């Protein structure tokens, strides 16, 4: 089976419960559509679990992108002293990260060894921006966010980085005529989905607000189109 989930945001217990609920095995494939880290406490813990699973494929989210921007100059040692030595540009990037929920991730990084931090950075750098999948007789394009500057005939490798990371769908948006666009980034409650996976014609939003009060972690089975929730 092929599965997709998104925007886990440090909720390790929900992530592990979901893997149990879907009876995830080495024969299955899971795409995680970004924003594993930040806001919740255990994003690094989730990443380290994902890194051990060859059948889990991460896509880059805007939170991973922001962390990857900051990490190279925090690599030597994440301490109060190293943070105090940052220049204005680095401080601005770090401030944006923390303002957007990066505090728990930064604190977790301080507890890692140098080798573990390097492994995390390498994992971020290897994340793809999209995936094309066929399952259950359907074709899918998986991205972190709804595609900005969309054109149906535009090749995926012609989009800019920000088009994959920061797009917000209009409720009546129409994407591909012959495949479904699956994304997260925008909690479905904002689009009227009431913390459930939301399908509108040619697109499916699977960000069910996992880290927010009353939110859930949603997982979409691409073979059956069934949604599973924690």
N, C-alpha and C. Protein backbone atom coordinates (compact mmCIF):
# COMPACT_ATOMS: atom_id res chain seq x y z
N UNK A 1 0.83 -1.19 0.00
CA UNK A 1 0.00 0.00 0.00
C UNK A 1 0.88 1.26 0.00
N UNK A 2 0.34 2.31 -0.63
CA UNK A 2 1.00 3.61 -0.63
C UNK A 2 0.22 4.57 0.27
N UNK A 3 0.94 5.27 1.13
CA UNK A 3 0.32 6.19 2.08
C UNK A 3 0.98 7.56 2.00
N UNK A 4 0.21 8.59 2.42
CA UNK A 4 0.76 9.94 2.52
C UNK A 4 0.25 10.60 3.79
N UNK A 5 1.16 11.26 4.51
CA UNK A 5 0.77 12.09 5.65
C UNK A 5 1.63 13.34 5.62
N UNK A 6 1.21 14.34 6.38
CA UNK A 6 1.89 15.63 6.31
C UNK A 6 1.77 16.37 7.62
N UNK A 7 2.68 17.34 7.83
CA UNK A 7 2.58 18.29 8.94
C UNK A 7 2.41 17.59 10.29
N UNK A 8 3.34 16.68 10.58
CA UNK A 8 3.32 15.96 11.85
C UNK A 8 3.76 16.88 12.99
N UNK A 9 4.61 17.83 12.71
CA UNK A 9 5.01 18.90 13.64
C UNK A 9 5.36 18.39 15.05
N UNK A 10 6.24 17.42 15.08
CA UNK A 10 6.80 17.00 16.37
C UNK A 10 5.92 16.12 17.22
N UNK A 11 4.80 15.66 16.70
CA UNK A 11 3.87 14.83 17.48
C UNK A 11 4.25 13.35 17.31
N UNK A 12 5.30 12.94 17.99
CA UNK A 12 5.85 11.59 17.82
C UNK A 12 4.84 10.51 18.18
N UNK A 13 4.09 10.71 19.28
CA UNK A 13 3.14 9.69 19.71
C UNK A 13 2.06 9.46 18.66
N UNK A 14 1.57 10.54 18.04
CA UNK A 14 0.56 10.39 16.99
C UNK A 14 1.15 9.69 15.77
N UNK A 15 2.39 10.04 15.44
CA UNK A 15 3.08 9.42 14.31
C UNK A 15 3.20 7.91 14.52
N UNK A 16 3.66 7.50 15.70
CA UNK A 16 3.82 6.06 15.97
C UNK A 16 2.47 5.35 16.02
N UNK A 17 1.48 6.01 16.59
CA UNK A 17 0.16 5.39 16.63
C UNK A 17 -0.41 5.20 15.23
N UNK A 18 -0.14 6.18 14.36
CA UNK A 18 -0.63 6.06 12.98
C UNK A 18 0.02 4.88 12.27
N UNK A 19 1.34 4.71 12.44
CA UNK A 19 2.01 3.57 11.81
C UNK A 19 1.41 2.26 12.29
N UNK A 20 1.01 2.21 13.55
CA UNK A 20 0.38 1.01 14.08
C UNK A 20 -1.03 0.83 13.50
N UNK A 21 -1.78 1.93 13.40
CA UNK A 21 -3.15 1.86 12.90
C UNK A 21 -3.21 1.36 11.46
N UNK A 22 -2.28 1.81 10.63
CA UNK A 22 -2.30 1.39 9.22
C UNK A 22 -1.53 0.09 9.01
N UNK A 23 -1.01 -0.45 10.12
CA UNK A 23 -0.24 -1.70 10.06
C UNK A 23 0.89 -1.58 9.04
N UNK A 24 1.67 -0.52 9.20
CA UNK A 24 2.73 -0.19 8.25
C UNK A 24 3.84 -1.23 8.31
N UNK A 25 4.14 -1.84 7.15
CA UNK A 25 5.13 -2.90 7.07
C UNK A 25 6.19 -2.53 6.03
N UNK A 26 7.28 -3.28 5.97
CA UNK A 26 8.31 -3.01 4.95
C UNK A 26 7.81 -3.14 3.52
N UNK A 27 6.66 -3.76 3.32
CA UNK A 27 6.09 -3.89 1.97
C UNK A 27 5.34 -2.63 1.54
N UNK A 28 5.04 -1.76 2.50
CA UNK A 28 4.30 -0.54 2.22
C UNK A 28 5.25 0.62 1.94
N UNK A 29 4.70 1.72 1.43
CA UNK A 29 5.48 2.92 1.15
C UNK A 29 4.74 4.12 1.74
N UNK A 30 5.48 4.94 2.47
CA UNK A 30 4.90 6.14 3.07
C UNK A 30 5.64 7.38 2.58
N UNK A 31 4.87 8.34 2.08
CA UNK A 31 5.41 9.66 1.73
C UNK A 31 5.00 10.64 2.83
N UNK A 32 5.97 11.33 3.38
CA UNK A 32 5.71 12.35 4.41
C UNK A 32 5.95 13.71 3.75
N UNK A 33 4.88 14.50 3.64
CA UNK A 33 4.91 15.69 2.79
C UNK A 33 5.37 16.94 3.54
N UNK A 34 6.43 16.80 4.32
CA UNK A 34 7.06 17.97 4.93
C UNK A 34 6.47 18.38 6.27
N UNK A 35 7.19 19.32 6.90
CA UNK A 35 6.84 19.87 8.21
C UNK A 35 6.72 18.76 9.27
N UNK A 36 7.75 17.95 9.33
CA UNK A 36 7.88 16.95 10.40
C UNK A 36 8.24 17.64 11.71
N UNK A 37 9.01 18.72 11.62
CA UNK A 37 9.59 19.36 12.80
C UNK A 37 8.82 20.62 13.19
N UNK A 38 9.26 21.20 14.35
CA UNK A 38 8.80 22.49 14.87
C UNK A 38 7.41 22.39 15.51
N UNK A 39 7.16 23.37 16.37
CA UNK A 39 5.91 23.51 17.12
C UNK A 39 5.77 22.43 18.19
N UNK A 40 5.66 21.16 17.82
CA UNK A 40 5.61 20.08 18.79
C UNK A 40 7.00 19.71 19.28
N UNK A 41 7.10 18.87 20.32
CA UNK A 41 8.38 18.65 21.00
C UNK A 41 9.33 17.66 20.34
N UNK A 42 8.86 16.77 19.48
CA UNK A 42 9.67 15.61 19.12
C UNK A 42 9.92 15.46 17.62
N UNK A 43 10.09 16.59 16.93
CA UNK A 43 10.33 16.50 15.49
C UNK A 43 11.60 15.77 15.14
N UNK A 44 12.67 16.01 15.88
CA UNK A 44 13.94 15.32 15.61
C UNK A 44 13.79 13.82 15.85
N UNK A 45 13.05 13.46 16.86
CA UNK A 45 12.81 12.04 17.16
C UNK A 45 12.07 11.37 16.00
N UNK A 46 11.10 12.06 15.42
CA UNK A 46 10.38 11.51 14.26
C UNK A 46 11.32 11.37 13.08
N UNK A 47 12.12 12.41 12.81
CA UNK A 47 13.07 12.33 11.70
C UNK A 47 14.01 11.15 11.85
N UNK A 48 14.52 10.94 13.05
CA UNK A 48 15.46 9.84 13.26
C UNK A 48 14.79 8.49 13.05
N UNK A 49 13.51 8.38 13.38
CA UNK A 49 12.78 7.15 13.09
C UNK A 49 12.60 6.98 11.59
N UNK A 50 12.23 8.06 10.90
CA UNK A 50 12.06 8.00 9.45
C UNK A 50 13.35 7.61 8.74
N UNK A 51 14.46 8.12 9.23
CA UNK A 51 15.75 7.86 8.60
C UNK A 51 16.13 6.38 8.63
N UNK A 52 15.55 5.65 9.55
CA UNK A 52 15.84 4.22 9.67
C UNK A 52 14.95 3.37 8.77
N UNK A 53 13.99 4.00 8.11
CA UNK A 53 13.00 3.25 7.33
C UNK A 53 13.21 3.53 5.84
N UNK A 54 13.72 2.56 5.09
CA UNK A 54 13.98 2.79 3.66
C UNK A 54 12.71 2.96 2.83
N UNK A 55 11.56 2.62 3.38
CA UNK A 55 10.30 2.75 2.64
C UNK A 55 9.51 3.99 3.06
N UNK A 56 10.18 4.93 3.76
CA UNK A 56 9.58 6.22 4.09
C UNK A 56 10.32 7.30 3.31
N UNK A 57 9.58 8.07 2.52
CA UNK A 57 10.19 9.07 1.65
C UNK A 57 9.72 10.46 2.06
N UNK A 58 10.65 11.31 2.55
CA UNK A 58 10.27 12.65 3.00
C UNK A 58 10.33 13.65 1.86
N UNK A 59 9.37 14.56 1.83
CA UNK A 59 9.43 15.72 0.96
C UNK A 59 9.76 16.95 1.82
N UNK A 60 10.41 17.91 1.22
CA UNK A 60 10.83 19.10 1.95
C UNK A 60 9.63 19.99 2.25
N UNK A 61 9.51 20.38 3.53
CA UNK A 61 8.51 21.36 3.92
C UNK A 61 9.18 22.69 4.24
N UNK A 62 8.39 23.73 4.40
CA UNK A 62 8.98 25.03 4.68
C UNK A 62 9.71 25.05 6.02
N UNK A 63 9.28 24.23 6.98
CA UNK A 63 9.96 24.19 8.27
C UNK A 63 11.32 23.50 8.15
N UNK A 64 11.40 22.43 7.38
CA UNK A 64 12.70 21.80 7.15
C UNK A 64 13.63 22.73 6.37
N UNK A 65 13.06 23.46 5.42
CA UNK A 65 13.87 24.40 4.65
C UNK A 65 14.48 25.47 5.55
N UNK A 66 13.67 26.05 6.43
CA UNK A 66 14.18 27.07 7.34
C UNK A 66 15.26 26.50 8.25
N UNK A 67 15.03 25.30 8.77
CA UNK A 67 16.03 24.67 9.63
C UNK A 67 17.32 24.42 8.87
N UNK A 68 17.20 23.98 7.61
CA UNK A 68 18.39 23.69 6.81
C UNK A 68 19.19 24.95 6.51
N UNK A 69 18.51 26.09 6.42
CA UNK A 69 19.21 27.36 6.23
C UNK A 69 20.06 27.70 7.44
N UNK A 70 19.52 27.45 8.62
CA UNK A 70 20.20 27.82 9.87
C UNK A 70 21.25 26.80 10.31
N UNK A 71 21.02 25.54 10.02
CA UNK A 71 21.87 24.50 10.59
C UNK A 71 23.35 24.58 10.22
N UNK A 72 23.72 24.91 8.97
CA UNK A 72 25.15 24.88 8.64
C UNK A 72 26.01 25.74 9.56
N UNK A 73 25.53 26.91 9.98
CA UNK A 73 26.33 27.72 10.88
C UNK A 73 26.02 27.49 12.35
N UNK A 74 25.19 26.49 12.62
CA UNK A 74 25.00 26.04 13.99
C UNK A 74 25.61 24.65 14.20
N UNK A 75 26.30 24.15 13.18
CA UNK A 75 26.75 22.76 13.21
C UNK A 75 27.83 22.48 14.23
N UNK A 76 28.75 23.41 14.43
CA UNK A 76 29.89 23.10 15.29
C UNK A 76 29.44 22.71 16.69
N UNK A 77 28.60 23.54 17.27
CA UNK A 77 28.05 23.21 18.58
C UNK A 77 26.92 24.18 18.86
N UNK A 78 25.74 23.66 19.10
CA UNK A 78 24.59 24.51 19.39
C UNK A 78 24.59 24.81 20.89
N UNK A 79 25.14 25.96 21.25
CA UNK A 79 25.23 26.37 22.65
C UNK A 79 24.76 27.81 22.77
N UNK A 80 24.58 28.25 24.00
CA UNK A 80 24.22 29.65 24.22
C UNK A 80 25.31 30.57 23.68
N UNK A 81 26.58 30.13 23.77
CA UNK A 81 27.69 30.96 23.30
C UNK A 81 27.67 31.08 21.77
N UNK A 82 27.42 29.97 21.07
CA UNK A 82 27.40 30.03 19.62
C UNK A 82 26.23 30.87 19.12
N UNK A 83 25.11 30.82 19.82
CA UNK A 83 23.97 31.63 19.43
C UNK A 83 24.26 33.12 19.61
N UNK A 84 25.02 33.45 20.65
CA UNK A 84 25.35 34.85 20.92
C UNK A 84 26.30 35.42 19.88
N UNK A 85 27.01 34.58 19.14
CA UNK A 85 28.01 35.04 18.17
C UNK A 85 27.45 35.24 16.77
N UNK A 86 26.16 35.07 16.57
CA UNK A 86 25.59 35.15 15.23
C UNK A 86 25.55 36.59 14.73
N UNK A 87 25.73 36.78 13.40
CA UNK A 87 25.62 38.12 12.84
C UNK A 87 24.15 38.46 12.58
N UNK A 88 23.88 39.67 12.06
CA UNK A 88 22.50 40.14 11.93
C UNK A 88 21.69 39.28 10.96
N UNK A 89 22.29 38.87 9.86
CA UNK A 89 21.57 38.04 8.89
C UNK A 89 21.22 36.69 9.50
N UNK A 90 22.17 36.10 10.19
CA UNK A 90 21.92 34.81 10.83
C UNK A 90 20.88 34.95 11.94
N UNK A 91 20.96 36.04 12.70
CA UNK A 91 19.98 36.26 13.76
C UNK A 91 18.58 36.41 13.19
N UNK A 92 18.46 37.09 12.03
CA UNK A 92 17.16 37.27 11.41
C UNK A 92 16.58 35.92 10.99
N UNK A 93 17.42 35.07 10.39
CA UNK A 93 16.97 33.74 9.97
C UNK A 93 16.58 32.90 11.18
N UNK A 94 17.40 32.97 12.21
CA UNK A 94 17.12 32.19 13.42
C UNK A 94 15.85 32.70 14.11
N UNK A 95 15.66 34.01 14.12
CA UNK A 95 14.46 34.58 14.72
C UNK A 95 13.21 34.13 13.98
N UNK A 96 13.29 34.11 12.64
CA UNK A 96 12.15 33.65 11.85
C UNK A 96 11.83 32.19 12.16
N UNK A 97 12.88 31.38 12.29
CA UNK A 97 12.68 29.97 12.59
C UNK A 97 12.00 29.79 13.95
N UNK A 98 12.51 30.48 14.97
CA UNK A 98 11.95 30.33 16.31
C UNK A 98 10.53 30.88 16.36
N UNK A 99 10.30 32.02 15.71
CA UNK A 99 8.96 32.61 15.68
C UNK A 99 7.96 31.67 15.06
N UNK A 100 8.41 30.87 14.10
CA UNK A 100 7.54 29.94 13.39
C UNK A 100 7.53 28.56 14.03
N UNK A 101 7.91 28.49 15.31
CA UNK A 101 7.79 27.23 16.05
C UNK A 101 9.04 26.40 16.13
N UNK A 102 10.21 26.99 15.81
CA UNK A 102 11.44 26.21 15.78
C UNK A 102 12.11 25.97 17.11
N UNK A 103 11.62 26.60 18.18
CA UNK A 103 12.26 26.45 19.49
C UNK A 103 12.45 25.01 19.93
N UNK A 104 11.39 24.18 19.89
CA UNK A 104 11.55 22.78 20.32
C UNK A 104 12.59 22.03 19.49
N UNK A 105 12.65 22.30 18.19
CA UNK A 105 13.63 21.64 17.33
C UNK A 105 15.04 22.07 17.70
N UNK A 106 15.23 23.36 17.92
CA UNK A 106 16.55 23.87 18.29
C UNK A 106 17.01 23.28 19.61
N UNK A 107 16.11 23.18 20.56
CA UNK A 107 16.48 22.58 21.85
C UNK A 107 16.86 21.11 21.68
N UNK A 108 16.15 20.40 20.82
CA UNK A 108 16.49 18.99 20.56
C UNK A 108 17.84 18.87 19.89
N UNK A 109 18.13 19.77 18.96
CA UNK A 109 19.43 19.74 18.27
C UNK A 109 20.58 19.94 19.24
N UNK A 110 20.38 20.73 20.27
CA UNK A 110 21.44 20.97 21.26
C UNK A 110 21.81 19.69 22.00
N UNK A 111 20.88 18.73 22.03
CA UNK A 111 21.14 17.48 22.75
C UNK A 111 21.83 16.43 21.88
N UNK A 112 21.97 16.70 20.57
CA UNK A 112 22.56 15.72 19.66
C UNK A 112 24.07 15.84 19.61
N UNK A 113 24.70 14.76 19.17
CA UNK A 113 26.13 14.82 18.89
C UNK A 113 26.35 15.53 17.56
N UNK A 114 27.59 15.90 17.30
CA UNK A 114 27.93 16.54 16.03
C UNK A 114 27.56 15.63 14.86
N UNK A 115 27.85 14.35 14.98
CA UNK A 115 27.54 13.41 13.90
C UNK A 115 26.04 13.32 13.66
N UNK A 116 25.27 13.32 14.73
CA UNK A 116 23.81 13.24 14.59
C UNK A 116 23.26 14.50 13.91
N UNK A 117 23.80 15.67 14.25
CA UNK A 117 23.36 16.90 13.60
C UNK A 117 23.71 16.88 12.11
N UNK A 118 24.89 16.37 11.78
CA UNK A 118 25.28 16.27 10.37
C UNK A 118 24.35 15.33 9.62
N UNK A 119 23.95 14.25 10.27
CA UNK A 119 23.02 13.31 9.63
C UNK A 119 21.67 13.98 9.35
N UNK A 120 21.19 14.77 10.30
CA UNK A 120 19.92 15.47 10.13
C UNK A 120 20.02 16.46 8.97
N UNK A 121 21.10 17.24 8.93
CA UNK A 121 21.27 18.22 7.85
C UNK A 121 21.33 17.51 6.49
N UNK A 122 22.06 16.41 6.41
CA UNK A 122 22.15 15.66 5.16
C UNK A 122 20.78 15.14 4.74
N UNK A 123 19.99 14.71 5.72
CA UNK A 123 18.63 14.21 5.43
C UNK A 123 17.77 15.34 4.86
N UNK A 124 17.87 16.54 5.45
CA UNK A 124 17.15 17.69 4.91
C UNK A 124 17.57 17.96 3.46
N UNK A 125 18.87 17.94 3.23
CA UNK A 125 19.40 18.30 1.91
C UNK A 125 19.02 17.29 0.84
N UNK A 126 18.71 16.06 1.24
CA UNK A 126 18.34 15.02 0.29
C UNK A 126 16.83 14.97 0.01
N UNK A 127 16.04 15.76 0.74
CA UNK A 127 14.59 15.72 0.57
C UNK A 127 14.19 16.27 -0.80
N UNK A 128 13.29 15.58 -1.45
CA UNK A 128 12.78 16.02 -2.74
C UNK A 128 11.66 17.05 -2.53
N UNK A 129 11.35 17.79 -3.60
CA UNK A 129 10.29 18.80 -3.55
C UNK A 129 8.94 18.23 -3.96
N UNK A 130 8.94 17.12 -4.68
CA UNK A 130 7.68 16.53 -5.12
C UNK A 130 7.92 15.05 -5.42
N UNK A 131 6.82 14.33 -5.53
CA UNK A 131 6.88 12.93 -5.95
C UNK A 131 5.67 12.66 -6.84
N UNK A 132 5.86 11.85 -7.87
CA UNK A 132 4.78 11.41 -8.72
C UNK A 132 4.55 9.92 -8.46
N UNK A 133 3.31 9.57 -8.16
CA UNK A 133 2.99 8.22 -7.71
C UNK A 133 1.77 7.71 -8.46
N UNK A 134 1.78 6.43 -8.78
CA UNK A 134 0.60 5.76 -9.32
C UNK A 134 0.18 4.70 -8.31
N UNK A 135 -1.09 4.72 -7.95
CA UNK A 135 -1.62 3.75 -6.98
C UNK A 135 -3.13 3.64 -7.17
N UNK A 136 -3.64 2.44 -7.02
CA UNK A 136 -5.09 2.24 -7.11
C UNK A 136 -5.69 2.70 -8.43
N UNK A 137 -4.92 2.65 -9.51
CA UNK A 137 -5.43 3.08 -10.80
C UNK A 137 -5.49 4.58 -10.99
N UNK A 138 -4.91 5.34 -10.06
CA UNK A 138 -4.90 6.80 -10.14
C UNK A 138 -3.46 7.31 -10.19
N UNK A 139 -3.31 8.54 -10.66
CA UNK A 139 -2.01 9.20 -10.68
C UNK A 139 -2.04 10.38 -9.71
N UNK A 140 -0.95 10.55 -8.98
CA UNK A 140 -0.86 11.60 -7.96
C UNK A 140 0.41 12.41 -8.13
N UNK A 141 0.32 13.69 -7.80
CA UNK A 141 1.48 14.54 -7.59
C UNK A 141 1.46 14.94 -6.12
N UNK A 142 2.53 14.62 -5.41
CA UNK A 142 2.63 14.91 -3.98
C UNK A 142 3.60 16.07 -3.77
N UNK A 143 3.18 17.08 -3.02
CA UNK A 143 4.02 18.22 -2.69
C UNK A 143 3.72 18.65 -1.26
N UNK A 144 4.59 19.52 -0.72
CA UNK A 144 4.29 20.01 0.62
C UNK A 144 3.09 20.94 0.62
N UNK A 145 3.07 21.89 -0.30
CA UNK A 145 1.97 22.85 -0.35
C UNK A 145 1.28 22.79 -1.70
N UNK A 146 0.15 23.46 -1.80
CA UNK A 146 -0.48 23.62 -3.11
C UNK A 146 0.49 24.36 -4.02
N UNK A 147 0.49 24.01 -5.30
CA UNK A 147 1.45 24.59 -6.22
C UNK A 147 1.12 26.05 -6.53
N UNK A 148 2.07 26.93 -6.26
CA UNK A 148 1.93 28.32 -6.67
C UNK A 148 2.29 28.45 -8.15
N UNK A 149 1.75 29.49 -8.78
CA UNK A 149 2.04 29.79 -10.19
C UNK A 149 1.78 28.56 -11.07
N UNK A 150 0.66 27.90 -10.79
CA UNK A 150 0.35 26.64 -11.48
C UNK A 150 -0.07 26.86 -12.93
N UNK A 151 0.39 25.97 -13.79
CA UNK A 151 -0.09 25.85 -15.15
C UNK A 151 -0.12 24.35 -15.48
N UNK A 152 -1.21 23.84 -16.04
CA UNK A 152 -1.36 22.38 -16.21
C UNK A 152 -0.28 21.75 -17.08
N UNK A 153 0.28 22.50 -18.00
CA UNK A 153 1.32 21.95 -18.89
C UNK A 153 2.74 22.28 -18.44
N UNK A 154 2.87 22.91 -17.31
CA UNK A 154 4.18 23.33 -16.81
C UNK A 154 4.90 22.14 -16.16
N UNK A 155 6.10 21.80 -16.62
CA UNK A 155 6.83 20.67 -16.01
C UNK A 155 7.12 20.95 -14.53
N UNK A 156 7.06 19.93 -13.72
CA UNK A 156 7.29 20.11 -12.29
C UNK A 156 8.68 20.66 -11.99
N UNK A 157 9.67 20.30 -12.80
CA UNK A 157 11.01 20.79 -12.53
C UNK A 157 11.21 22.24 -12.99
N UNK A 158 10.13 22.87 -13.49
CA UNK A 158 10.22 24.28 -13.87
C UNK A 158 9.70 25.21 -12.77
N UNK A 159 9.12 24.66 -11.72
CA UNK A 159 8.63 25.49 -10.62
C UNK A 159 9.79 25.93 -9.73
N UNK A 160 9.59 27.07 -9.07
CA UNK A 160 10.57 27.58 -8.12
C UNK A 160 10.38 26.90 -6.76
N UNK A 161 11.43 26.97 -5.94
CA UNK A 161 11.39 26.36 -4.61
C UNK A 161 10.17 26.81 -3.82
N UNK A 162 9.91 28.12 -3.81
CA UNK A 162 8.81 28.64 -3.00
C UNK A 162 7.45 28.17 -3.50
N UNK A 163 7.36 27.80 -4.78
CA UNK A 163 6.09 27.30 -5.31
C UNK A 163 5.68 25.99 -4.65
N UNK A 164 6.65 25.21 -4.21
CA UNK A 164 6.38 23.93 -3.57
C UNK A 164 6.18 24.05 -2.06
N UNK A 165 6.63 25.15 -1.46
CA UNK A 165 6.69 25.23 0.00
C UNK A 165 5.65 26.13 0.64
N UNK A 166 5.14 27.11 -0.10
CA UNK A 166 4.34 28.15 0.53
C UNK A 166 2.98 28.38 -0.12
N UNK A 167 2.58 27.54 -1.06
CA UNK A 167 1.33 27.76 -1.77
C UNK A 167 0.11 27.50 -0.91
N UNK A 168 -0.90 28.34 -1.10
CA UNK A 168 -2.20 28.17 -0.43
C UNK A 168 -3.27 28.03 -1.50
N UNK A 169 -4.11 26.99 -1.44
CA UNK A 169 -5.09 26.80 -2.50
C UNK A 169 -6.31 27.70 -2.34
N UNK A 170 -6.83 28.18 -3.43
CA UNK A 170 -8.16 28.78 -3.42
C UNK A 170 -9.18 27.63 -3.34
N UNK A 171 -10.30 27.84 -2.64
CA UNK A 171 -11.28 26.76 -2.51
C UNK A 171 -11.73 26.17 -3.85
N UNK A 172 -11.75 27.00 -4.89
CA UNK A 172 -12.21 26.52 -6.20
C UNK A 172 -11.06 26.27 -7.16
N UNK A 173 -9.85 26.12 -6.63
CA UNK A 173 -8.67 25.90 -7.48
C UNK A 173 -8.82 24.60 -8.28
N UNK A 174 -8.34 24.64 -9.52
CA UNK A 174 -8.35 23.46 -10.38
C UNK A 174 -6.91 23.21 -10.81
N UNK A 175 -6.47 21.96 -10.63
CA UNK A 175 -5.10 21.60 -11.00
C UNK A 175 -5.13 20.65 -12.19
N UNK A 176 -4.51 19.50 -12.08
CA UNK A 176 -4.36 18.62 -13.24
C UNK A 176 -5.67 17.93 -13.61
N UNK A 177 -5.95 17.77 -14.90
CA UNK A 177 -7.18 17.09 -15.31
C UNK A 177 -7.10 15.57 -15.17
N UNK A 178 -5.88 15.04 -15.12
CA UNK A 178 -5.72 13.59 -15.16
C UNK A 178 -4.98 13.03 -13.95
N UNK A 179 -4.70 13.86 -12.95
CA UNK A 179 -4.05 13.37 -11.73
C UNK A 179 -4.40 14.28 -10.57
N UNK A 180 -4.30 13.73 -9.38
CA UNK A 180 -4.67 14.46 -8.17
C UNK A 180 -3.44 15.08 -7.52
N UNK A 181 -3.55 16.34 -7.13
CA UNK A 181 -2.51 17.01 -6.37
C UNK A 181 -2.80 16.82 -4.89
N UNK A 182 -1.84 16.22 -4.17
CA UNK A 182 -1.99 15.95 -2.74
C UNK A 182 -0.96 16.78 -2.00
N UNK A 183 -1.40 17.52 -0.98
CA UNK A 183 -0.50 18.42 -0.28
C UNK A 183 -0.95 18.61 1.17
N UNK A 184 -0.08 19.30 1.94
CA UNK A 184 -0.40 19.70 3.30
C UNK A 184 -0.27 21.22 3.41
N UNK A 185 0.44 21.64 4.46
CA UNK A 185 0.80 23.05 4.69
C UNK A 185 -0.36 23.91 5.17
N UNK A 186 -1.51 23.81 4.54
CA UNK A 186 -2.69 24.58 4.95
C UNK A 186 -3.63 23.66 5.72
N UNK A 187 -3.81 23.90 7.03
CA UNK A 187 -4.74 23.05 7.79
C UNK A 187 -6.12 23.04 7.15
N UNK A 188 -6.70 21.86 7.07
CA UNK A 188 -7.99 21.73 6.38
C UNK A 188 -9.09 22.52 7.08
N UNK A 189 -8.96 22.79 8.37
CA UNK A 189 -9.98 23.58 9.06
C UNK A 189 -10.10 24.98 8.44
N UNK A 190 -9.01 25.50 7.90
CA UNK A 190 -9.04 26.82 7.26
C UNK A 190 -9.89 26.78 5.98
N UNK A 191 -9.92 25.61 5.35
CA UNK A 191 -10.65 25.46 4.09
C UNK A 191 -12.02 24.81 4.27
N UNK A 192 -12.44 24.67 5.53
CA UNK A 192 -13.74 24.09 5.80
C UNK A 192 -13.74 22.59 5.95
N UNK A 193 -12.56 22.01 6.15
CA UNK A 193 -12.47 20.55 6.24
C UNK A 193 -12.66 19.97 7.62
N UNK A 194 -12.75 20.81 8.66
CA UNK A 194 -13.02 20.36 10.03
C UNK A 194 -12.05 19.27 10.48
N UNK A 195 -10.74 19.51 10.23
CA UNK A 195 -9.69 18.61 10.68
C UNK A 195 -9.83 17.19 10.11
N UNK A 196 -10.38 17.10 8.93
CA UNK A 196 -10.41 15.84 8.19
C UNK A 196 -9.79 16.08 6.81
N UNK A 197 -9.29 15.02 6.20
CA UNK A 197 -8.75 15.12 4.85
C UNK A 197 -9.81 15.70 3.93
N UNK A 198 -9.42 16.70 3.14
CA UNK A 198 -10.37 17.45 2.33
C UNK A 198 -10.06 17.26 0.84
N UNK A 199 -11.04 16.77 0.11
CA UNK A 199 -10.89 16.63 -1.35
C UNK A 199 -11.85 17.59 -2.05
N UNK A 200 -11.29 18.36 -2.95
CA UNK A 200 -12.08 19.28 -3.77
C UNK A 200 -11.67 19.09 -5.23
N UNK A 201 -12.39 18.27 -5.94
CA UNK A 201 -12.12 18.10 -7.37
C UNK A 201 -10.76 17.51 -7.65
N UNK A 202 -9.82 18.36 -8.07
CA UNK A 202 -8.51 17.88 -8.52
C UNK A 202 -7.44 17.93 -7.43
N UNK A 203 -7.80 18.28 -6.19
CA UNK A 203 -6.78 18.36 -5.14
C UNK A 203 -7.28 17.78 -3.83
N UNK A 204 -6.31 17.37 -3.01
CA UNK A 204 -6.60 16.80 -1.69
C UNK A 204 -5.63 17.42 -0.68
N UNK A 205 -6.18 18.03 0.36
CA UNK A 205 -5.38 18.58 1.45
C UNK A 205 -5.41 17.59 2.61
N UNK A 206 -4.22 17.16 3.07
CA UNK A 206 -4.16 16.15 4.13
C UNK A 206 -3.61 16.68 5.44
N UNK A 207 -3.43 18.02 5.55
CA UNK A 207 -2.98 18.62 6.81
C UNK A 207 -4.19 18.82 7.71
N UNK A 208 -4.36 17.92 8.67
CA UNK A 208 -5.53 17.95 9.54
C UNK A 208 -5.23 18.61 10.89
N UNK A 209 -4.21 19.49 10.92
CA UNK A 209 -3.94 20.28 12.11
C UNK A 209 -3.43 19.48 13.29
N UNK A 210 -2.59 18.50 13.01
CA UNK A 210 -2.12 17.56 14.03
C UNK A 210 -1.67 18.22 15.34
N UNK A 211 -0.89 19.29 15.25
CA UNK A 211 -0.26 19.87 16.43
C UNK A 211 -1.17 20.87 17.15
N UNK A 212 -2.26 21.26 16.52
CA UNK A 212 -3.13 22.28 17.10
C UNK A 212 -4.22 21.65 17.97
N UNK A 213 -4.75 22.43 18.89
CA UNK A 213 -5.80 21.94 19.78
C UNK A 213 -6.98 21.43 18.97
N UNK A 214 -7.37 20.22 19.24
CA UNK A 214 -8.50 19.62 18.53
C UNK A 214 -8.15 19.03 17.19
N UNK A 215 -6.89 19.24 16.73
CA UNK A 215 -6.48 18.73 15.43
C UNK A 215 -6.12 17.25 15.47
N UNK A 216 -5.97 16.68 14.30
CA UNK A 216 -5.65 15.26 14.19
C UNK A 216 -4.54 15.06 13.17
N UNK A 217 -3.87 13.95 13.27
CA UNK A 217 -2.96 13.51 12.22
C UNK A 217 -3.76 12.67 11.24
N UNK A 218 -3.73 13.07 9.99
CA UNK A 218 -4.44 12.32 8.96
C UNK A 218 -3.46 11.58 8.07
N UNK A 219 -3.87 10.42 7.60
CA UNK A 219 -3.05 9.64 6.68
C UNK A 219 -3.96 9.15 5.56
N UNK A 220 -3.55 9.41 4.32
CA UNK A 220 -4.35 9.02 3.16
C UNK A 220 -3.74 7.78 2.52
N UNK A 221 -4.52 6.74 2.37
CA UNK A 221 -4.10 5.57 1.60
C UNK A 221 -4.37 5.86 0.13
N UNK A 222 -3.32 5.95 -0.66
CA UNK A 222 -3.48 6.31 -2.07
C UNK A 222 -4.12 5.19 -2.88
N UNK A 223 -4.00 3.97 -2.42
CA UNK A 223 -4.59 2.84 -3.14
C UNK A 223 -6.11 2.84 -3.03
N UNK A 224 -6.62 3.13 -1.82
CA UNK A 224 -8.06 3.01 -1.56
C UNK A 224 -8.76 4.36 -1.39
N UNK A 225 -7.97 5.45 -1.22
CA UNK A 225 -8.46 6.80 -0.93
C UNK A 225 -9.10 6.89 0.45
N UNK A 226 -8.81 5.92 1.30
CA UNK A 226 -9.33 5.94 2.66
C UNK A 226 -8.46 6.85 3.54
N UNK A 227 -9.12 7.62 4.39
CA UNK A 227 -8.41 8.44 5.36
C UNK A 227 -8.41 7.77 6.72
N UNK A 228 -7.27 7.80 7.41
CA UNK A 228 -7.12 7.24 8.75
C UNK A 228 -6.67 8.38 9.65
N UNK A 229 -7.17 8.40 10.90
CA UNK A 229 -6.93 9.55 11.78
C UNK A 229 -6.47 9.13 13.17
N UNK A 230 -5.59 9.96 13.73
CA UNK A 230 -5.21 9.84 15.14
C UNK A 230 -5.53 11.19 15.78
